[in-house]
Amino acid sequence: MTEGIEKALKKIGFEVSKPVHASITILFGLFVWTLPQFLSFLVGAYFIIQGILLFIDYYGSKKKVTKTDVP
């Protein structure tokens, strides 16, 4: 799953190294563990970000189709 996120972020020109990504993941895990009410915010933010990245991936792949690709 992280590869898909990294791929989508690279398409929009945003690149995060694996140690930074791991650190952010651990930090959010600690937030959820210590602040359970924060979980609903994180889940909502995750779904919003994932949806945006899916749209970017979808529309980016549609733009790659050229006239030579279509029979």
PDB file of N, CA and C in Angstrom:
ATOM      1  N   MET A   1       0.822  -1.189   0.000  1.00  0.00           N
ATOM      2  CA  MET A   1       0.000   0.000   0.000  1.00  0.00           C
ATOM      3  C   MET A   1       0.866   1.253   0.000  1.00  0.00           C
ATOM      4  N   THR A   2       1.985   1.237   0.710  1.00  0.00           N
ATOM      5  CA  THR A   2       2.825   2.431   0.746  1.00  0.00           C
ATOM      6  C   THR A   2       3.419   2.736  -0.617  1.00  0.00           C
ATOM      7  N   GLU A   3       3.649   1.701  -1.438  1.00  0.00           N
ATOM      8  CA  GLU A   3       4.186   1.940  -2.770  1.00  0.00           C
ATOM      9  C   GLU A   3       3.190   2.710  -3.621  1.00  0.00           C
ATOM     10  N   GLY A   4       1.913   2.400  -3.474  1.00  0.00           N
ATOM     11  CA  GLY A   4       0.880   3.119  -4.211  1.00  0.00           C
ATOM     12  C   GLY A   4       0.806   4.581  -3.800  1.00  0.00           C
ATOM     13  N   ILE A   5       0.933   4.819  -2.507  1.00  0.00           N
ATOM     14  CA  ILE A   5       0.919   6.193  -2.007  1.00  0.00           C
ATOM     15  C   ILE A   5       2.145   6.938  -2.503  1.00  0.00           C
ATOM     16  N   GLU A   6       3.329   6.294  -2.444  1.00  0.00           N
ATOM     17  CA  GLU A   6       4.553   6.937  -2.917  1.00  0.00           C
ATOM     18  C   GLU A   6       4.460   7.245  -4.409  1.00  0.00           C
ATOM     19  N   LYS A   7       3.896   6.343  -5.182  1.00  0.00           N
ATOM     20  CA  LYS A   7       3.745   6.542  -6.621  1.00  0.00           C
ATOM     21  C   LYS A   7       2.838   7.740  -6.908  1.00  0.00           C
ATOM     22  N   ALA A   8       1.724   7.821  -6.190  1.00  0.00           N
ATOM     23  CA  ALA A   8       0.790   8.928  -6.400  1.00  0.00           C
ATOM     24  C   ALA A   8       1.405  10.255  -5.977  1.00  0.00           C
ATOM     25  N   LEU A   9       2.150  10.255  -4.877  1.00  0.00           N
ATOM     26  CA  LEU A   9       2.793  11.492  -4.436  1.00  0.00           C
ATOM     27  C   LEU A   9       3.863  11.951  -5.422  1.00  0.00           C
ATOM     28  N   LYS A  10       4.587  11.011  -6.025  1.00  0.00           N
ATOM     29  CA  LYS A  10       5.600  11.370  -7.023  1.00  0.00           C
ATOM     30  C   LYS A  10       4.956  12.009  -8.247  1.00  0.00           C
ATOM     31  N   LYS A  11       3.746  11.555  -8.604  1.00  0.00           N
ATOM     32  CA  LYS A  11       3.050  12.119  -9.759  1.00  0.00           C
ATOM     33  C   LYS A  11       2.722  13.590  -9.556  1.00  0.00           C
ATOM     34  N   ILE A  12       2.437  13.981  -8.329  1.00  0.00           N
ATOM     35  CA  ILE A  12       2.120  15.385  -8.076  1.00  0.00           C
ATOM     36  C   ILE A  12       3.352  16.175  -7.660  1.00  0.00           C
ATOM     37  N   GLY A  13       4.524  15.528  -7.720  1.00  0.00           N
ATOM     38  CA  GLY A  13       5.771  16.226  -7.447  1.00  0.00           C
ATOM     39  C   GLY A  13       6.160  16.277  -5.987  1.00  0.00           C
ATOM     40  N   PHE A  14       5.660  15.374  -5.182  1.00  0.00           N
ATOM     41  CA  PHE A  14       5.954  15.343  -3.749  1.00  0.00           C
ATOM     42  C   PHE A  14       6.587  14.003  -3.426  1.00  0.00           C
ATOM     43  N   GLU A  15       7.809  14.031  -2.906  1.00  0.00           N
ATOM     44  CA  GLU A  15       8.513  12.793  -2.616  1.00  0.00           C
ATOM     45  C   GLU A  15       8.922  12.749  -1.147  1.00  0.00           C
ATOM     46  N   VAL A  16       8.650  11.616  -0.499  1.00  0.00           N
ATOM     47  CA  VAL A  16       8.977  11.427   0.915  1.00  0.00           C
ATOM     48  C   VAL A  16       9.856  10.192   1.021  1.00  0.00           C
ATOM     49  N   SER A  17      10.966  10.323   1.761  1.00  0.00           N
ATOM     50  CA  SER A  17      11.842   9.166   1.930  1.00  0.00           C
ATOM     51  C   SER A  17      11.185   8.157   2.868  1.00  0.00           C
ATOM     52  N   LYS A  18      11.623   6.917   2.789  1.00  0.00           N
ATOM     53  CA  LYS A  18      11.040   5.860   3.621  1.00  0.00           C
ATOM     54  C   LYS A  18      11.222   6.118   5.116  1.00  0.00           C
ATOM     55  N   PRO A  19      12.397   6.611   5.590  1.00  0.00           N
ATOM     56  CA  PRO A  19      12.509   6.896   7.028  1.00  0.00           C
ATOM     57  C   PRO A  19      11.538   7.983   7.501  1.00  0.00           C
ATOM     58  N   VAL A  20      11.315   9.000   6.672  1.00  0.00           N
ATOM     59  CA  VAL A  20      10.366  10.054   7.042  1.00  0.00           C
ATOM     60  C   VAL A  20       8.956   9.483   7.062  1.00  0.00           C
ATOM     61  N   HIS A  21       8.623   8.677   6.074  1.00  0.00           N
ATOM     62  CA  HIS A  21       7.302   8.047   6.018  1.00  0.00           C
ATOM     63  C   HIS A  21       7.084   7.146   7.238  1.00  0.00           C
ATOM     64  N   ALA A  22       8.113   6.377   7.600  1.00  0.00           N
ATOM     65  CA  ALA A  22       8.015   5.498   8.778  1.00  0.00           C
ATOM     66  C   ALA A  22       7.834   6.322  10.051  1.00  0.00           C
ATOM     67  N   SER A  23       8.564   7.423  10.170  1.00  0.00           N
ATOM     68  CA  SER A  23       8.456   8.282  11.359  1.00  0.00           C
ATOM     69  C   SER A  23       7.060   8.875  11.492  1.00  0.00           C
ATOM     70  N   ILE A  24       6.515   9.334  10.377  1.00  0.00           N
ATOM     71  CA  ILE A  24       5.162   9.902  10.389  1.00  0.00           C
ATOM     72  C   ILE A  24       4.150   8.835  10.792  1.00  0.00           C
ATOM     73  N   THR A  25       4.328   7.624  10.274  1.00  0.00           N
ATOM     74  CA  THR A  25       3.420   6.530  10.607  1.00  0.00           C
ATOM     75  C   THR A  25       3.474   6.198  12.091  1.00  0.00           C
ATOM     76  N   ILE A  26       4.667   6.137  12.649  1.00  0.00           N
ATOM     77  CA  ILE A  26       4.811   5.865  14.083  1.00  0.00           C
ATOM     78  C   ILE A  26       4.200   6.989  14.909  1.00  0.00           C
ATOM     79  N   LEU A  27       4.419   8.216  14.502  1.00  0.00           N
ATOM     80  CA  LEU A  27       3.858   9.368  15.219  1.00  0.00           C
ATOM     81  C   LEU A  27       2.331   9.308  15.239  1.00  0.00           C
ATOM     82  N   PHE A  28       1.723   9.025  14.093  1.00  0.00           N
ATOM     83  CA  PHE A  28       0.263   8.914  14.054  1.00  0.00           C
ATOM     84  C   PHE A  28      -0.224   7.724  14.882  1.00  0.00           C
ATOM     85  N   GLY A  29       0.538   6.640  14.878  1.00  0.00           N
ATOM     86  CA  GLY A  29       0.177   5.498  15.714  1.00  0.00           C
ATOM     87  C   GLY A  29       0.180   5.853  17.191  1.00  0.00           C
ATOM     88  N   LEU A  30       1.164   6.635  17.605  1.00  0.00           N
ATOM     89  CA  LEU A  30       1.219   7.079  19.003  1.00  0.00           C
ATOM     90  C   LEU A  30       0.053   8.004  19.335  1.00  0.00           C
ATOM     91  N   PHE A  31      -0.289   8.886  18.393  1.00  0.00           N
ATOM     92  CA  PHE A  31      -1.446   9.759  18.611  1.00  0.00           C
ATOM     93  C   PHE A  31      -2.721   8.948  18.815  1.00  0.00           C
ATOM     94  N   VAL A  32      -2.919   7.942  17.992  1.00  0.00           N
ATOM     95  CA  VAL A  32      -4.120   7.111  18.107  1.00  0.00           C
ATOM     96  C   VAL A  32      -4.120   6.357  19.422  1.00  0.00           C
ATOM     97  N   TRP A  33      -2.968   5.886  19.828  1.00  0.00           N
ATOM     98  CA  TRP A  33      -2.846   5.118  21.060  1.00  0.00           C
ATOM     99  C   TRP A  33      -3.105   5.985  22.294  1.00  0.00           C
ATOM    100  N   THR A  34      -2.572   7.199  22.292  1.00  0.00           N
ATOM    101  CA  THR A  34      -2.709   8.068  23.468  1.00  0.00           C
ATOM    102  C   THR A  34      -3.967   8.936  23.426  1.00  0.00           C
ATOM    103  N   LEU A  35      -4.458   9.227  22.247  1.00  0.00           N
ATOM    104  CA  LEU A  35      -5.652  10.070  22.095  1.00  0.00           C
ATOM    105  C   LEU A  35      -6.683   9.357  21.228  1.00  0.00           C
ATOM    106  N   PRO A  36      -7.447   8.435  21.785  1.00  0.00           N
ATOM    107  CA  PRO A  36      -8.394   7.647  20.964  1.00  0.00           C
ATOM    108  C   PRO A  36      -9.412   8.500  20.213  1.00  0.00           C
ATOM    109  N   GLN A  37      -9.776   9.655  20.733  1.00  0.00           N
ATOM    110  CA  GLN A  37     -10.733  10.507  20.030  1.00  0.00           C
ATOM    111  C   GLN A  37     -10.122  11.093  18.762  1.00  0.00           C
ATOM    112  N   PHE A  38      -8.801  11.089  18.672  1.00  0.00           N
ATOM    113  CA  PHE A  38      -8.089  11.579  17.503  1.00  0.00           C
ATOM    114  C   PHE A  38      -8.229  10.600  16.325  1.00  0.00           C
ATOM    115  N   LEU A  39      -8.620   9.368  16.621  1.00  0.00           N
ATOM    116  CA  LEU A  39      -8.731   8.331  15.599  1.00  0.00           C
ATOM    117  C   LEU A  39      -9.733   8.708  14.513  1.00  0.00           C
ATOM    118  N   SER A  40     -10.860   9.259  14.875  1.00  0.00           N
ATOM    119  CA  SER A  40     -11.858   9.616  13.858  1.00  0.00           C
ATOM    120  C   SER A  40     -11.315  10.679  12.913  1.00  0.00           C
ATOM    121  N   PHE A  41     -10.547  11.628  13.436  1.00  0.00           N
ATOM    122  CA  PHE A  41      -9.921  12.645  12.591  1.00  0.00           C
ATOM    123  C   PHE A  41      -8.923  12.002  11.635  1.00  0.00           C
ATOM    124  N   LEU A  42      -8.094  11.093  12.138  1.00  0.00           N
ATOM    125  CA  LEU A  42      -7.082  10.444  11.299  1.00  0.00           C
ATOM    126  C   LEU A  42      -7.715   9.587  10.213  1.00  0.00           C
ATOM    127  N   VAL A  43      -8.750   8.844  10.568  1.00  0.00           N
ATOM    128  CA  VAL A  43      -9.410   7.993   9.583  1.00  0.00           C
ATOM    129  C   VAL A  43     -10.070   8.854   8.504  1.00  0.00           C
ATOM    130  N   GLY A  44     -10.722   9.920   8.910  1.00  0.00           N
ATOM    131  CA  GLY A  44     -11.333  10.825   7.933  1.00  0.00           C
ATOM    132  C   GLY A  44     -10.295  11.461   7.023  1.00  0.00           C
ATOM    133  N   ALA A  45      -9.193  11.930   7.594  1.00  0.00           N
ATOM    134  CA  ALA A  45      -8.125  12.530   6.790  1.00  0.00           C
ATOM    135  C   ALA A  45      -7.523  11.507   5.837  1.00  0.00           C
ATOM    136  N   TYR A  46      -7.349  10.276   6.314  1.00  0.00           N
ATOM    137  CA  TYR A  46      -6.802   9.226   5.464  1.00  0.00           C
ATOM    138  C   TYR A  46      -7.694   8.987   4.249  1.00  0.00           C
ATOM    139  N   PHE A  47      -8.996   8.869   4.474  1.00  0.00           N
ATOM    140  CA  PHE A  47      -9.906   8.612   3.364  1.00  0.00           C
ATOM    141  C   PHE A  47      -9.936   9.773   2.375  1.00  0.00           C
ATOM    142  N   ILE A  48      -9.898  10.994   2.880  1.00  0.00           N
ATOM    143  CA  ILE A  48      -9.884  12.160   1.987  1.00  0.00           C
ATOM    144  C   ILE A  48      -8.614  12.170   1.145  1.00  0.00           C
ATOM    145  N   ILE A  49      -7.466  11.966   1.779  1.00  0.00           N
ATOM    146  CA  ILE A  49      -6.191  11.971   1.058  1.00  0.00           C
ATOM    147  C   ILE A  49      -6.136  10.818   0.066  1.00  0.00           C
ATOM    148  N   GLN A  50      -6.570   9.645   0.472  1.00  0.00           N
ATOM    149  CA  GLN A  50      -6.568   8.477  -0.411  1.00  0.00           C
ATOM    150  C   GLN A  50      -7.472   8.722  -1.614  1.00  0.00           C
ATOM    151  N   GLY A  51      -8.623   9.326  -1.399  1.00  0.00           N
ATOM    152  CA  GLY A  51      -9.525   9.631  -2.511  1.00  0.00           C
ATOM    153  C   GLY A  51      -8.916  10.618  -3.488  1.00  0.00           C
ATOM    154  N   ILE A  52      -8.254  11.649  -2.975  1.00  0.00           N
ATOM    155  CA  ILE A  52      -7.588  12.622  -3.839  1.00  0.00           C
ATOM    156  C   ILE A  52      -6.493  11.945  -4.661  1.00  0.00           C
ATOM    157  N   LEU A  53      -5.693  11.101  -4.010  1.00  0.00           N
ATOM    158  CA  LEU A  53      -4.619  10.418  -4.716  1.00  0.00           C
ATOM    159  C   LEU A  53      -5.162   9.463  -5.780  1.00  0.00           C
ATOM    160  N   LEU A  54      -6.292   8.818  -5.506  1.00  0.00           N
ATOM    161  CA  LEU A  54      -6.901   7.939  -6.502  1.00  0.00           C
ATOM    162  C   LEU A  54      -7.389   8.730  -7.716  1.00  0.00           C
ATOM    163  N   PHE A  55      -7.987   9.906  -7.485  1.00  0.00           N
ATOM    164  CA  PHE A  55      -8.412  10.747  -8.600  1.00  0.00           C
ATOM    165  C   PHE A  55      -7.211  11.198  -9.420  1.00  0.00           C
ATOM    166  N   ILE A  56      -6.135  11.584  -8.747  1.00  0.00           N
ATOM    167  CA  ILE A  56      -4.927  12.014  -9.456  1.00  0.00           C
ATOM    168  C   ILE A  56      -4.380  10.872 -10.303  1.00  0.00           C
ATOM    169  N   ASP A  57      -4.347   9.686  -9.746  1.00  0.00           N
ATOM    170  CA  ASP A  57      -3.856   8.528 -10.484  1.00  0.00           C
ATOM    171  C   ASP A  57      -4.756   8.221 -11.678  1.00  0.00           C
ATOM    172  N   TYR A  58      -6.062   8.289 -11.473  1.00  0.00           N
ATOM    173  CA  TYR A  58      -7.014   7.982 -12.551  1.00  0.00           C
ATOM    174  C   TYR A  58      -6.894   8.985 -13.694  1.00  0.00           C
ATOM    175  N   TYR A  59      -6.950  10.263 -13.378  1.00  0.00           N
ATOM    176  CA  TYR A  59      -6.887  11.271 -14.423  1.00  0.00           C
ATOM    177  C   TYR A  59      -5.498  11.368 -15.037  1.00  0.00           C
ATOM    178  N   GLY A  60      -4.466  11.042 -14.282  1.00  0.00           N
ATOM    179  CA  GLY A  60      -3.115  11.012 -14.836  1.00  0.00           C
ATOM    180  C   GLY A  60      -2.943   9.899 -15.843  1.00  0.00           C
ATOM    181  N   SER A  61      -3.560   8.742 -15.575  1.00  0.00           N
ATOM    182  CA  SER A  61      -3.455   7.622 -16.507  1.00  0.00           C
ATOM    183  C   SER A  61      -4.286   7.866 -17.758  1.00  0.00           C
ATOM    184  N   LYS A  62      -5.374   8.625 -17.642  1.00  0.00           N
ATOM    185  CA  LYS A  62      -6.191   8.940 -18.818  1.00  0.00           C
ATOM    186  C   LYS A  62      -5.451   9.882 -19.752  1.00  0.00           C
ATOM    187  N   LYS A  63      -4.643  10.780 -19.222  1.00  0.00           N
ATOM    188  CA  LYS A  63      -3.911  11.733 -20.041  1.00  0.00           C
ATOM    189  C   LYS A  63      -2.781  11.064 -20.813  1.00  0.00           C
ATOM    190  N   LYS A  64      -2.308   9.912 -20.339  1.00  0.00           N
ATOM    191  CA  LYS A  64      -1.202   9.223 -20.999  1.00  0.00           C
ATOM    192  C   LYS A  64      -1.634   8.538 -22.293  1.00  0.00           C
ATOM    193  N   VAL A  65      -2.934   8.318 -22.458  1.00  0.00           N
ATOM    194  CA  VAL A  65      -3.433   7.668 -23.665  1.00  0.00           C
ATOM    195  C   VAL A  65      -3.301   8.643 -24.828  1.00  0.00           C
ATOM    196  N   THR A  66      -2.607   8.212 -25.866  1.00  0.00           N
ATOM    197  CA  THR A  66      -2.438   9.074 -27.043  1.00  0.00           C
ATOM    198  C   THR A  66      -3.176   8.465 -28.227  1.00  0.00           C
ATOM    199  N   LYS A  67      -3.180   9.146 -29.340  1.00  0.00           N
ATOM    200  CA  LYS A  67      -3.870   8.653 -30.525  1.00  0.00           C
ATOM    201  C   LYS A  67      -3.232   7.376 -31.035  1.00  0.00           C
ATOM    202  N   THR A  68      -1.947   7.192 -30.817  1.00  0.00           N
ATOM    203  CA  THR A  68      -1.291   5.964 -31.289  1.00  0.00           C
ATOM    204  C   THR A  68      -1.695   4.762 -30.454  1.00  0.00           C
ATOM    205  N   ASP A  69      -2.163   4.994 -29.209  1.00  0.00           N
ATOM    206  CA  ASP A  69      -2.583   3.903 -28.343  1.00  0.00           C
ATOM    207  C   ASP A  69      -3.984   3.416 -28.682  1.00  0.00           C
ATOM    208  N   VAL A  70      -4.789   4.249 -29.295  1.00  0.00           N
ATOM    209  CA  VAL A  70      -6.179   3.898 -29.604  1.00  0.00           C
ATOM    210  C   VAL A  70      -6.232   3.318 -31.007  1.00  0.00           C
ATOM    211  N   PRO A  71      -6.878   2.145 -31.180  1.00  0.00           N
ATOM    212  CA  PRO A  71      -6.941   1.537 -32.531  1.00  0.00           C
ATOM    213  C   PRO A  71      -7.825   2.293 -33.484  1.00  0.00           C
TER     214      PRO A  71
END
